[in-house]
Structure formats: C-alpha cells, structure tokens
Amino acid sequence: MPAAYLIVESNISDPEAFKRYMAAAPAVAQEFGGEYLVRGGRMQVQEGDWKPPRLTVLRYPSFEAAQAMYDSPGYVAARALRQGATVCFNMVVVEGV
C-alpha cells in the first residue's frame, strides 16, 4: 500500500491561537501513523508564482490512514482550536508512488 502525504498551506493571523492547534494536532497525527516531514521552515520558490506563506507536509502509511485522522474526533477538536487563527488554510492529501 503506498504512503500518502498531507500537504498544508497556511497563513497564520493569530500566532497565539495557532499555538493551541499546534499543541493538539501532532498527537492526533501520530495516532494514525502520521510523521511530520516539513513544519514551516526556510522556503524558496523555484518556479511559478505560488508563494505559500507556510507549508507543512506529513507522511501517513496510507491514504486511508490520513483520511481517518482528518475525520477523527481528536482532529475535529484540533481543527476547532484553529478557528480564527489563520487567514488561509488549504489542505490536500495525495497518494504517493
């Protein structure tokens, strides 16, 4: 079964509120086999005009595990902590090869 990658573009507007989300989300991700590969950090756009303010990338053992994490009660609660803390929060899950 191929791994899956959860990719998040975010623009944080309230860092203090976002810290509550960041404190809650990792435990839920780990519960479903999620591993943070990128969590912010230095970035350089090489081509194109996409300029994400912040990127986060997690690897999951499968597409189904990533989807189960997103739908879990723990992540529903973590998402509630994020309300009003970002101007933009885009998330996709993609199956790897």
C-alpha atoms as a PDB file:
ATOM      1  CA  MET A   1       0.000   0.000   0.000  1.00  0.00           C
ATOM      2  CA  PRO A   2       1.545   3.351  -0.993  1.00  0.00           C
ATOM      3  CA  ALA A   3       2.147   6.072   1.565  1.00  0.00           C
ATOM      4  CA  ALA A   4       0.070   9.240   1.488  1.00  0.00           C
ATOM      5  CA  TYR A   5       1.174  12.820   2.007  1.00  0.00           C
ATOM      6  CA  LEU A   6      -0.870  15.520   3.686  1.00  0.00           C
ATOM      7  CA  ILE A   7       0.170  18.951   2.405  1.00  0.00           C
ATOM      8  CA  VAL A   8      -0.956  22.143   4.123  1.00  0.00           C
ATOM      9  CA  GLU A   9      -0.574  25.757   3.054  1.00  0.00           C
ATOM     10  CA  SER A  10      -1.338  28.181   5.862  1.00  0.00           C
ATOM     11  CA  ASN A  11      -1.152  31.862   6.644  1.00  0.00           C
ATOM     12  CA  ILE A  12      -1.257  32.401  10.395  1.00  0.00           C
ATOM     13  CA  SER A  13      -3.039  35.552  11.540  1.00  0.00           C
ATOM     14  CA  ASP A  14      -3.160  34.839  15.293  1.00  0.00           C
ATOM     15  CA  PRO A  15       0.043  33.065  16.403  1.00  0.00           C
ATOM     16  CA  GLU A  16      -1.127  32.615  19.996  1.00  0.00           C
ATOM     17  CA  ALA A  17      -4.354  30.891  18.929  1.00  0.00           C
ATOM     18  CA  PHE A  18      -2.462  28.814  16.355  1.00  0.00           C
ATOM     19  CA  LYS A  19      -0.127  27.544  19.104  1.00  0.00           C
ATOM     20  CA  ARG A  20      -3.111  25.756  20.676  1.00  0.00           C
ATOM     21  CA  TYR A  21      -3.742  23.940  17.386  1.00  0.00           C
ATOM     22  CA  MET A  22      -0.035  23.117  17.035  1.00  0.00           C
ATOM     23  CA  ALA A  23      -0.040  21.660  20.547  1.00  0.00           C
ATOM     24  CA  ALA A  24      -3.022  19.384  19.808  1.00  0.00           C
ATOM     25  CA  ALA A  25      -2.547  18.246  16.197  1.00  0.00           C
ATOM     26  CA  PRO A  26       0.734  16.257  16.405  1.00  0.00           C
ATOM     27  CA  ALA A  27      -0.599  13.679  18.884  1.00  0.00           C
ATOM     28  CA  VAL A  28      -3.600  13.026  16.645  1.00  0.00           C
ATOM     29  CA  ALA A  29      -1.368  12.726  13.565  1.00  0.00           C
ATOM     30  CA  GLN A  30       0.903  10.243  15.353  1.00  0.00           C
ATOM     31  CA  GLU A  31      -2.085   8.180  16.482  1.00  0.00           C
ATOM     32  CA  PHE A  32      -2.773   7.447  12.794  1.00  0.00           C
ATOM     33  CA  GLY A  33       0.857   6.894  11.820  1.00  0.00           C
ATOM     34  CA  GLY A  34       1.477  10.469  10.673  1.00  0.00           C
ATOM     35  CA  GLU A  35       5.024  11.780  10.617  1.00  0.00           C
ATOM     36  CA  TYR A  36       5.872  15.455  10.157  1.00  0.00           C
ATOM     37  CA  LEU A  37       8.361  15.914   7.318  1.00  0.00           C
ATOM     38  CA  VAL A  38       8.023  19.701   6.968  1.00  0.00           C
ATOM     39  CA  ARG A  39       6.625  22.100   9.545  1.00  0.00           C
ATOM     40  CA  GLY A  40       7.330  25.633   8.429  1.00  0.00           C
ATOM     41  CA  GLY A  41      10.984  26.346   7.846  1.00  0.00           C
ATOM     42  CA  ARG A  42      13.008  28.066   5.171  1.00  0.00           C
ATOM     43  CA  MET A  43      11.488  28.020   1.687  1.00  0.00           C
ATOM     44  CA  GLN A  44      12.483  29.243  -1.774  1.00  0.00           C
ATOM     45  CA  VAL A  45      10.099  29.314  -4.754  1.00  0.00           C
ATOM     46  CA  GLN A  46      11.996  27.809  -7.683  1.00  0.00           C
ATOM     47  CA  GLU A  47       9.397  28.191 -10.447  1.00  0.00           C
ATOM     48  CA  GLY A  48       5.954  29.656 -10.851  1.00  0.00           C
ATOM     49  CA  ASP A  49       4.101  32.260  -8.860  1.00  0.00           C
ATOM     50  CA  TRP A  50       2.878  30.166  -5.921  1.00  0.00           C
ATOM     51  CA  LYS A  51       4.168  31.836  -2.749  1.00  0.00           C
ATOM     52  CA  PRO A  52       2.757  29.915   0.197  1.00  0.00           C
ATOM     53  CA  PRO A  53       3.348  31.721   3.489  1.00  0.00           C
ATOM     54  CA  ARG A  54       3.920  28.416   5.343  1.00  0.00           C
ATOM     55  CA  LEU A  55       3.972  24.753   4.310  1.00  0.00           C
ATOM     56  CA  THR A  56       3.511  21.623   6.360  1.00  0.00           C
ATOM     57  CA  VAL A  57       3.948  18.095   4.985  1.00  0.00           C
ATOM     58  CA  LEU A  58       3.125  14.872   6.789  1.00  0.00           C
ATOM     59  CA  ARG A  59       3.569  11.282   5.634  1.00  0.00           C
ATOM     60  CA  TYR A  60       0.965   8.637   6.512  1.00  0.00           C
ATOM     61  CA  PRO A  61       1.176   4.890   5.944  1.00  0.00           C
ATOM     62  CA  SER A  62      -1.809   5.060   3.570  1.00  0.00           C
ATOM     63  CA  PHE A  63      -4.400   7.376   2.056  1.00  0.00           C
ATOM     64  CA  GLU A  64      -6.990   5.741   4.308  1.00  0.00           C
ATOM     65  CA  ALA A  65      -4.941   6.459   7.452  1.00  0.00           C
ATOM     66  CA  ALA A  66      -4.648  10.150   6.503  1.00  0.00           C
ATOM     67  CA  GLN A  67      -8.386  10.350   5.850  1.00  0.00           C
ATOM     68  CA  ALA A  68      -9.182   8.560   9.124  1.00  0.00           C
ATOM     69  CA  MET A  69      -7.011  11.076  11.006  1.00  0.00           C
ATOM     70  CA  TYR A  70      -8.821  14.005   9.390  1.00  0.00           C
ATOM     71  CA  ASP A  71     -12.237  12.550  10.272  1.00  0.00           C
ATOM     72  CA  SER A  72     -11.269  11.520  13.832  1.00  0.00           C
ATOM     73  CA  PRO A  73     -12.810  13.163  16.903  1.00  0.00           C
ATOM     74  CA  GLY A  74      -9.331  14.214  18.018  1.00  0.00           C
ATOM     75  CA  TYR A  75      -8.641  16.136  14.830  1.00  0.00           C
ATOM     76  CA  VAL A  76     -12.142  17.631  14.753  1.00  0.00           C
ATOM     77  CA  ALA A  77     -11.301  19.060  18.196  1.00  0.00           C
ATOM     78  CA  ALA A  78      -7.872  20.275  16.993  1.00  0.00           C
ATOM     79  CA  ARG A  79      -9.488  21.990  13.994  1.00  0.00           C
ATOM     80  CA  ALA A  80     -11.822  23.837  16.349  1.00  0.00           C
ATOM     81  CA  LEU A  81      -8.757  25.247  18.144  1.00  0.00           C
ATOM     82  CA  ARG A  82      -7.554  26.646  14.806  1.00  0.00           C
ATOM     83  CA  GLN A  83     -10.730  28.669  14.135  1.00  0.00           C
ATOM     84  CA  GLY A  84      -9.865  32.324  13.580  1.00  0.00           C
ATOM     85  CA  ALA A  85      -6.103  31.696  13.804  1.00  0.00           C
ATOM     86  CA  THR A  86      -5.433  31.658  10.051  1.00  0.00           C
ATOM     87  CA  VAL A  87      -6.261  33.801   7.038  1.00  0.00           C
ATOM     88  CA  CYS A  88      -5.707  30.803   4.773  1.00  0.00           C
ATOM     89  CA  PHE A  89      -5.564  27.072   5.499  1.00  0.00           C
ATOM     90  CA  ASN A  90      -5.549  24.760   2.487  1.00  0.00           C
ATOM     91  CA  MET A  91      -5.041  21.026   2.962  1.00  0.00           C
ATOM     92  CA  VAL A  92      -4.793  18.169   0.483  1.00  0.00           C
ATOM     93  CA  VAL A  93      -3.926  14.503   0.832  1.00  0.00           C
ATOM     94  CA  VAL A  94      -2.219  12.781  -2.081  1.00  0.00           C
ATOM     95  CA  GLU A  95      -1.250   9.158  -2.517  1.00  0.00           C
ATOM     96  CA  GLY A  96       2.440   8.548  -3.152  1.00  0.00           C
ATOM     97  CA  VAL A  97       4.079   6.209  -5.626  1.00  0.00           C
END
